[in-house]
Amino acid sequence: MVRLRRSDATGKGYTRRRSGKGWTYLDSDGNRVTDKVLRARMDHLGIPPAWTDVWIAPYENGHVQATGMDSAGRRQYIYHPTWREQKDRIKFDRSLQLAESLPAARRQVTMHLRQDGFTRERALAAGFRMLDTGSLRVGSERYTESNGSHGLSTLLCSHVTVHGDSVHLEFPAKSGQEWSSDIRDHDLVQVVGGLQERGPNARLLAYEEGGEWHPLGAADINDYVRERTGGEFTAKDFRTLHGTVAAAISLAKHGPEATKGKRQRALAQAYRDAAEVLSNTPTIAKNSYVDPRLVDEYVHGRTIDPQRLASGETELRNLLFR
């Protein structure tokens, strides 16, 4: 494995400027880079053409290989593949640790959901249940203000409809996608139905105290997740877990295949099934949310127990932590 060194994007590095249909690379003194091997490394990074204020690491083993500002004014990063592999392993391990803590956490959340009135704990429990069963992003004020997209913490009452024992969600989500999903949960319906009475433009997740309503933010929800699970988990860990579980169930239903072509088709369907749960594209599901160890197990003919799909989280841990 490559031994990485920490990059310093404020220090010396390379930059680029447009040259015809391609790019000219410059060193920290403003001199053109003419070395073919070095230029090939920079070209291979695949820095998006729209990025500005680009900085490129002077070392090919730097943990950050390039940074730049995207068209929305956000700082973006291209990491060394080895760094990504290390971080991804930590991410997927953490999601499996979350799965282990969920049975006890869910019991506590159910108790809070069944409280009387609109307490802070009850509103937080509603948020937890929606993360846990709906795979929502937690959202942020910044995204809502800048592009009108919503997540759990910024949902309005108008984004939610109650039908019997089901909560229907429909709202503009990240990347211009329209989110539409249903959560069947009697306890959640009891809370959401009452919160909706404040009017369509009110923030959905809020609690009543001292005669006033106080909205919950993303930090409040993530703090509650950590308190209930006893670990350093966040809303994003739910999506990672649910994406991998959805793929695992899909592969178990399909069953092992003897040929490479059939395995690839089964995996493609698994990524589509994970994407549907997450409201993402199959490519994003594959690259960010499905544990590659699950894929390795499937290639070697192993899946979770198809007779125990209702216990998908436990079965996934058993498969990957053998």
Protein backbone atom coordinates (compact mmCIF):
# COMPACT_ATOMS: atom_id res chain seq x y z
CA MET A 1 0.00 0.00 0.00
CA VAL A 2 1.20 3.52 -0.82
CA ARG A 3 2.62 5.43 2.16
CA LEU A 4 0.80 8.75 2.15
CA ARG A 5 1.96 12.16 3.30
CA ARG A 6 -0.38 14.91 4.47
CA SER A 7 -1.01 17.61 1.89
CA ASP A 8 -1.01 21.32 2.71
CA ALA A 9 -3.23 23.15 0.24
CA THR A 10 -2.01 26.49 1.58
CA GLY A 11 1.59 25.64 0.72
CA LYS A 12 3.49 25.18 -2.53
CA GLY A 13 1.82 23.29 -5.32
CA TYR A 14 0.77 23.53 -8.94
CA THR A 15 -2.06 25.42 -10.57
CA ARG A 16 -3.49 25.53 -14.08
CA ARG A 17 -4.78 27.89 -16.73
CA ARG A 18 -6.80 27.28 -19.85
CA SER A 19 -4.77 26.68 -23.03
CA GLY A 20 -6.86 26.01 -26.12
CA LYS A 21 -8.91 22.90 -25.45
CA GLY A 22 -6.61 21.76 -22.67
CA TRP A 23 -4.63 23.11 -19.75
CA THR A 24 -1.23 24.58 -19.03
CA TYR A 25 0.11 23.68 -15.59
CA LEU A 26 2.25 26.12 -13.61
CA ASP A 27 4.53 25.60 -10.63
CA SER A 28 4.51 27.83 -7.54
CA ASP A 29 6.91 30.26 -9.27
CA GLY A 30 4.63 30.62 -12.30
CA ASN A 31 6.80 28.50 -14.60
CA ARG A 32 5.19 26.11 -17.10
CA VAL A 33 5.37 22.42 -16.27
CA THR A 34 6.99 20.62 -19.19
CA ASP A 35 7.78 17.25 -17.62
CA LYS A 36 5.57 14.72 -19.46
CA VAL A 37 5.21 12.34 -16.51
CA LEU A 38 4.17 15.16 -14.17
CA ARG A 39 1.70 16.55 -16.69
CA ALA A 40 0.22 13.09 -17.20
CA ARG A 41 -0.32 12.75 -13.43
CA MET A 42 -2.20 16.05 -13.33
CA ASP A 43 -4.30 15.20 -16.38
CA HIS A 44 -5.16 11.84 -14.84
CA LEU A 45 -6.63 13.50 -11.74
CA GLY A 46 -9.71 14.45 -13.75
CA ILE A 47 -10.12 17.90 -12.23
CA PRO A 48 -13.50 19.25 -13.43
CA PRO A 49 -13.11 22.00 -16.06
CA ALA A 50 -15.48 24.27 -14.12
CA TRP A 51 -13.27 24.36 -11.03
CA THR A 52 -11.46 27.62 -10.30
CA ASP A 53 -8.70 28.50 -7.84
CA VAL A 54 -7.21 25.05 -8.43
CA TRP A 55 -4.34 23.78 -6.30
CA ILE A 56 -2.55 20.52 -7.22
CA ALA A 57 -0.35 18.62 -4.78
CA PRO A 58 3.38 18.64 -5.54
CA TYR A 59 3.65 15.00 -4.41
CA GLU A 60 1.91 12.04 -6.02
CA ASN A 61 1.46 10.45 -2.58
CA GLY A 62 -0.21 13.48 -0.97
CA HIS A 63 -3.47 12.55 0.76
CA VAL A 64 -5.20 15.44 -1.05
CA GLN A 65 -4.25 15.49 -4.72
CA ALA A 66 -6.15 18.62 -5.77
CA THR A 67 -8.63 21.22 -4.56
CA GLY A 68 -10.73 23.84 -6.31
CA MET A 69 -13.89 25.92 -6.15
CA ASP A 70 -16.92 24.50 -7.95
CA SER A 71 -19.52 26.56 -9.81
CA ALA A 72 -21.54 26.96 -6.58
CA GLY A 73 -18.56 28.48 -4.76
CA ARG A 74 -17.87 25.40 -2.64
CA ARG A 75 -14.37 24.10 -1.96
CA GLN A 76 -14.02 20.58 -3.38
CA TYR A 77 -11.28 17.98 -2.99
CA ILE A 78 -9.78 15.11 -4.97
CA TYR A 79 -8.21 12.57 -2.63
CA HIS A 80 -5.55 9.96 -3.25
CA PRO A 81 -7.22 6.56 -3.94
CA THR A 82 -5.44 4.98 -0.96
CA TRP A 83 -6.77 7.71 1.33
CA ARG A 84 -10.28 7.10 0.01
CA GLU A 85 -9.96 3.36 0.61
CA GLN A 86 -8.88 3.93 4.21
CA LYS A 87 -11.68 6.41 4.90
CA ASP A 88 -14.27 4.23 3.18
CA ARG A 89 -13.28 1.24 5.33
CA ILE A 90 -13.76 3.36 8.45
CA LYS A 91 -17.11 4.62 7.13
CA PHE A 92 -18.49 1.15 6.41
CA ASP A 93 -17.19 -0.29 9.69
CA ARG A 94 -18.92 2.56 11.52
CA SER A 95 -22.24 1.82 9.79
CA LEU A 96 -22.03 -1.81 10.95
CA GLN A 97 -21.30 -0.62 14.48
CA LEU A 98 -24.41 1.56 14.21
CA ALA A 99 -26.42 -1.53 13.25
CA GLU A 100 -25.31 -3.25 16.46
CA SER A 101 -26.52 -0.32 18.59
CA LEU A 102 -29.89 0.15 16.88
CA PRO A 103 -32.10 -2.43 18.68
CA ALA A 104 -31.62 -0.75 22.08
CA ALA A 105 -31.76 2.75 20.56
CA ARG A 106 -35.03 1.97 18.78
CA ARG A 107 -36.65 0.88 22.04
CA GLN A 108 -35.73 4.20 23.65
CA VAL A 109 -36.96 6.14 20.62
CA THR A 110 -40.31 4.36 20.75
CA MET A 111 -40.71 5.37 24.41
CA HIS A 112 -40.01 9.01 23.52
CA LEU A 113 -42.42 8.90 20.57
CA ARG A 114 -45.19 7.80 22.92
CA GLN A 115 -44.79 10.73 25.31
CA ASP A 116 -47.65 13.15 25.79
CA GLY A 117 -47.49 16.64 24.31
CA PHE A 118 -44.91 18.05 21.95
CA THR A 119 -41.75 17.73 24.01
CA ARG A 120 -38.24 18.16 22.67
CA GLU A 121 -37.54 14.45 23.18
CA ARG A 122 -40.65 13.50 21.23
CA ALA A 123 -39.74 15.73 18.29
CA LEU A 124 -36.18 14.39 18.29
CA ALA A 125 -37.50 10.83 18.40
CA ALA A 126 -39.63 11.59 15.34
CA GLY A 127 -36.51 12.79 13.56
CA PHE A 128 -34.60 9.64 14.55
CA ARG A 129 -37.43 7.40 13.35
CA MET A 130 -37.56 9.19 9.99
CA LEU A 131 -33.80 8.78 9.56
CA ASP A 132 -34.00 5.15 10.57
CA THR A 133 -36.94 4.14 8.38
CA GLY A 134 -36.83 6.75 5.61
CA SER A 135 -33.08 7.08 4.90
CA LEU A 136 -33.36 10.87 4.66
CA ARG A 137 -30.44 13.27 4.53
CA VAL A 138 -30.31 15.46 7.61
CA GLY A 139 -30.25 18.67 5.52
CA SER A 140 -28.95 22.12 6.41
CA GLU A 141 -30.08 25.73 6.50
CA ARG A 142 -27.32 26.64 4.03
CA TYR A 143 -28.56 24.26 1.33
CA THR A 144 -32.15 25.37 1.81
CA GLU A 145 -31.24 29.05 1.56
CA SER A 146 -28.86 28.65 -1.39
CA ASN A 147 -30.79 26.28 -3.67
CA GLY A 148 -34.15 25.53 -2.09
CA SER A 149 -33.38 21.88 -1.32
CA HIS A 150 -34.54 20.29 1.91
CA GLY A 151 -33.52 17.53 4.26
CA LEU A 152 -34.95 16.18 7.50
CA SER A 153 -34.04 19.20 9.63
CA THR A 154 -35.53 21.73 7.19
CA LEU A 155 -38.73 19.94 6.20
CA LEU A 156 -41.89 22.02 6.28
CA CYS A 157 -45.29 20.72 7.30
CA SER A 158 -46.36 21.13 3.67
CA HIS A 159 -43.82 18.46 2.68
CA VAL A 160 -45.63 15.81 4.71
CA THR A 161 -49.01 14.12 4.32
CA VAL A 162 -50.54 11.59 6.72
CA HIS A 163 -52.68 8.73 5.37
CA GLY A 164 -53.83 6.21 7.96
CA ASP A 165 -50.69 4.70 9.50
CA SER A 166 -48.41 6.09 6.78
CA VAL A 167 -46.43 9.32 6.45
CA HIS A 168 -45.90 10.46 2.86
CA LEU A 169 -42.89 12.72 2.18
CA GLU A 170 -42.56 14.84 -0.94
CA PHE A 171 -40.06 17.70 -1.23
CA PRO A 172 -37.21 19.13 -3.33
CA ALA A 173 -34.05 17.32 -2.24
CA LYS A 174 -30.33 17.62 -2.92
CA SER A 175 -29.05 17.88 -6.51
CA GLY A 176 -32.42 18.96 -7.88
CA GLN A 177 -34.07 15.61 -7.19
CA GLU A 178 -37.69 15.38 -6.06
CA TRP A 179 -37.94 13.15 -3.00
CA SER A 180 -41.04 10.98 -2.69
CA SER A 181 -41.35 8.19 -0.13
CA ASP A 182 -43.68 6.63 2.42
CA ILE A 183 -42.97 5.61 6.01
CA ARG A 184 -45.47 3.25 7.61
CA ASP A 185 -45.27 3.84 11.36
CA HIS A 186 -48.20 4.38 13.74
CA ASP A 187 -46.17 6.15 16.45
CA LEU A 188 -44.64 8.53 13.92
CA VAL A 189 -48.07 9.32 12.47
CA GLN A 190 -49.31 10.37 15.91
CA VAL A 191 -46.50 12.91 16.26
CA VAL A 192 -46.44 14.22 12.70
CA GLY A 193 -50.20 14.59 12.54
CA GLY A 194 -50.15 16.90 15.54
CA LEU A 195 -47.16 18.91 14.33
CA GLN A 196 -48.88 19.54 11.01
CA GLU A 197 -51.66 21.49 12.71
CA ARG A 198 -49.31 24.50 13.01
CA GLY A 199 -49.74 25.26 9.32
CA PRO A 200 -48.05 24.38 6.00
CA ASN A 201 -45.13 26.82 6.30
CA ALA A 202 -44.08 25.79 9.81
CA ARG A 203 -40.91 23.76 10.29
CA LEU A 204 -42.02 20.16 10.80
CA LEU A 205 -39.61 19.08 13.53
CA ALA A 206 -40.17 21.44 16.44
CA TYR A 207 -41.10 21.28 20.12
CA GLU A 208 -43.28 23.39 22.38
CA GLU A 209 -41.83 25.02 25.47
CA GLY A 210 -43.00 28.03 27.43
CA GLY A 211 -45.88 28.60 25.06
CA GLU A 212 -43.56 28.90 22.05
CA TRP A 213 -42.42 26.57 19.27
CA HIS A 214 -38.71 25.93 18.78
CA PRO A 215 -37.44 24.28 15.55
CA LEU A 216 -34.81 21.56 15.69
CA GLY A 217 -31.61 21.82 13.64
CA ALA A 218 -29.28 19.25 12.12
CA ALA A 219 -26.93 19.48 15.12
CA ASP A 220 -29.80 18.71 17.52
CA ILE A 221 -30.75 15.61 15.53
CA ASN A 222 -27.18 14.34 15.27
CA ASP A 223 -26.66 14.91 19.01
CA TYR A 224 -29.77 12.86 19.74
CA VAL A 225 -28.52 10.08 17.45
CA ARG A 226 -25.26 9.97 19.41
CA GLU A 227 -27.08 9.99 22.75
CA ARG A 228 -29.40 7.13 21.80
CA THR A 229 -26.78 4.95 20.11
CA GLY A 230 -23.90 5.68 22.48
CA GLY A 231 -21.51 6.17 19.55
CA GLU A 232 -20.13 8.91 17.34
CA PHE A 233 -22.72 8.29 14.66
CA THR A 234 -24.53 10.83 12.48
CA ALA A 235 -27.48 10.85 10.12
CA LYS A 236 -25.20 9.94 7.21
CA ASP A 237 -24.30 6.62 8.84
CA PHE A 238 -27.95 5.57 8.54
CA ARG A 239 -27.84 6.11 4.79
CA THR A 240 -24.61 4.11 4.48
CA LEU A 241 -26.11 1.26 6.48
CA HIS A 242 -29.44 1.28 4.63
CA GLY A 243 -27.76 1.41 1.22
CA THR A 244 -25.64 -1.65 1.99
CA VAL A 245 -28.55 -3.54 3.57
CA ALA A 246 -30.75 -2.86 0.52
CA ALA A 247 -28.02 -4.20 -1.77
CA ALA A 248 -27.49 -7.23 0.49
CA ILE A 249 -31.20 -8.09 0.42
CA SER A 250 -31.28 -7.68 -3.36
CA LEU A 251 -28.33 -10.04 -3.82
CA ALA A 252 -29.79 -12.60 -1.40
CA LYS A 253 -33.08 -12.63 -3.29
CA HIS A 254 -31.24 -13.09 -6.57
CA GLY A 255 -28.92 -15.75 -5.21
CA PRO A 256 -25.35 -16.66 -6.21
CA GLU A 257 -24.52 -16.90 -9.91
CA ALA A 258 -21.94 -19.08 -11.63
CA THR A 259 -20.97 -16.75 -14.48
CA LYS A 260 -19.39 -13.31 -14.40
CA GLY A 261 -22.04 -11.81 -16.66
CA LYS A 262 -24.91 -12.96 -14.45
CA ARG A 263 -23.11 -11.74 -11.33
CA GLN A 264 -22.63 -8.32 -12.91
CA ARG A 265 -26.33 -8.12 -13.75
CA ALA A 266 -27.24 -9.07 -10.19
CA LEU A 267 -24.88 -6.42 -8.82
CA ALA A 268 -26.30 -3.80 -11.19
CA GLN A 269 -29.78 -4.58 -9.85
CA ALA A 270 -28.48 -4.38 -6.27
CA TYR A 271 -27.09 -0.89 -6.93
CA ARG A 272 -30.45 0.14 -8.42
CA ASP A 273 -32.28 -1.18 -5.36
CA ALA A 274 -29.92 0.69 -3.03
CA ALA A 275 -30.33 3.85 -5.09
CA GLU A 276 -34.11 3.61 -4.83
CA VAL A 277 -33.92 3.46 -1.02
CA LEU A 278 -31.55 6.43 -0.91
CA SER A 279 -33.10 8.49 -3.72
CA ASN A 280 -29.71 8.55 -5.47
CA THR A 281 -28.33 7.26 -8.75
CA PRO A 282 -27.01 3.68 -8.98
CA THR A 283 -23.53 5.08 -9.62
CA ILE A 284 -23.56 7.10 -6.40
CA ALA A 285 -24.98 4.13 -4.49
CA LYS A 286 -22.16 1.94 -5.82
CA ASN A 287 -19.38 4.45 -5.16
CA SER A 288 -20.49 5.82 -1.79
CA TYR A 289 -23.10 3.69 -0.03
CA VAL A 290 -22.63 -0.02 -0.75
CA ASP A 291 -19.86 -1.71 1.22
CA PRO A 292 -17.38 -3.21 -1.30
CA ARG A 293 -16.89 -6.17 1.05
CA LEU A 294 -20.49 -7.17 0.30
CA VAL A 295 -19.60 -7.26 -3.39
CA ASP A 296 -16.52 -9.38 -2.67
CA GLU A 297 -18.64 -11.85 -0.70
CA TYR A 298 -21.16 -12.10 -3.54
CA VAL A 299 -18.46 -12.69 -6.14
CA HIS A 300 -17.30 -15.62 -4.00
CA GLY A 301 -20.84 -17.05 -3.82
CA ARG A 302 -21.90 -15.78 -0.39
CA THR A 303 -24.95 -13.67 0.56
CA ILE A 304 -26.93 -12.98 3.69
CA ASP A 305 -29.41 -15.73 4.62
CA PRO A 306 -32.35 -15.36 2.19
CA GLN A 307 -34.63 -16.85 4.86
CA ARG A 308 -33.79 -14.04 7.31
CA LEU A 309 -34.19 -10.90 5.23
CA ALA A 310 -36.26 -9.22 7.95
CA SER A 311 -33.08 -9.29 10.06
CA GLY A 312 -30.99 -7.77 7.28
CA GLU A 313 -28.82 -5.62 9.54
CA THR A 314 -27.87 -8.53 11.80
CA GLU A 315 -27.31 -10.84 8.85
CA LEU A 316 -25.11 -8.23 7.17
CA ARG A 317 -22.91 -8.00 10.26
CA ASN A 318 -22.69 -11.78 10.41
CA LEU A 319 -21.64 -11.95 6.76
CA LEU A 320 -19.03 -9.19 6.81
CA PHE A 321 -17.62 -9.81 10.29
CA ARG A 322 -17.16 -13.57 9.86
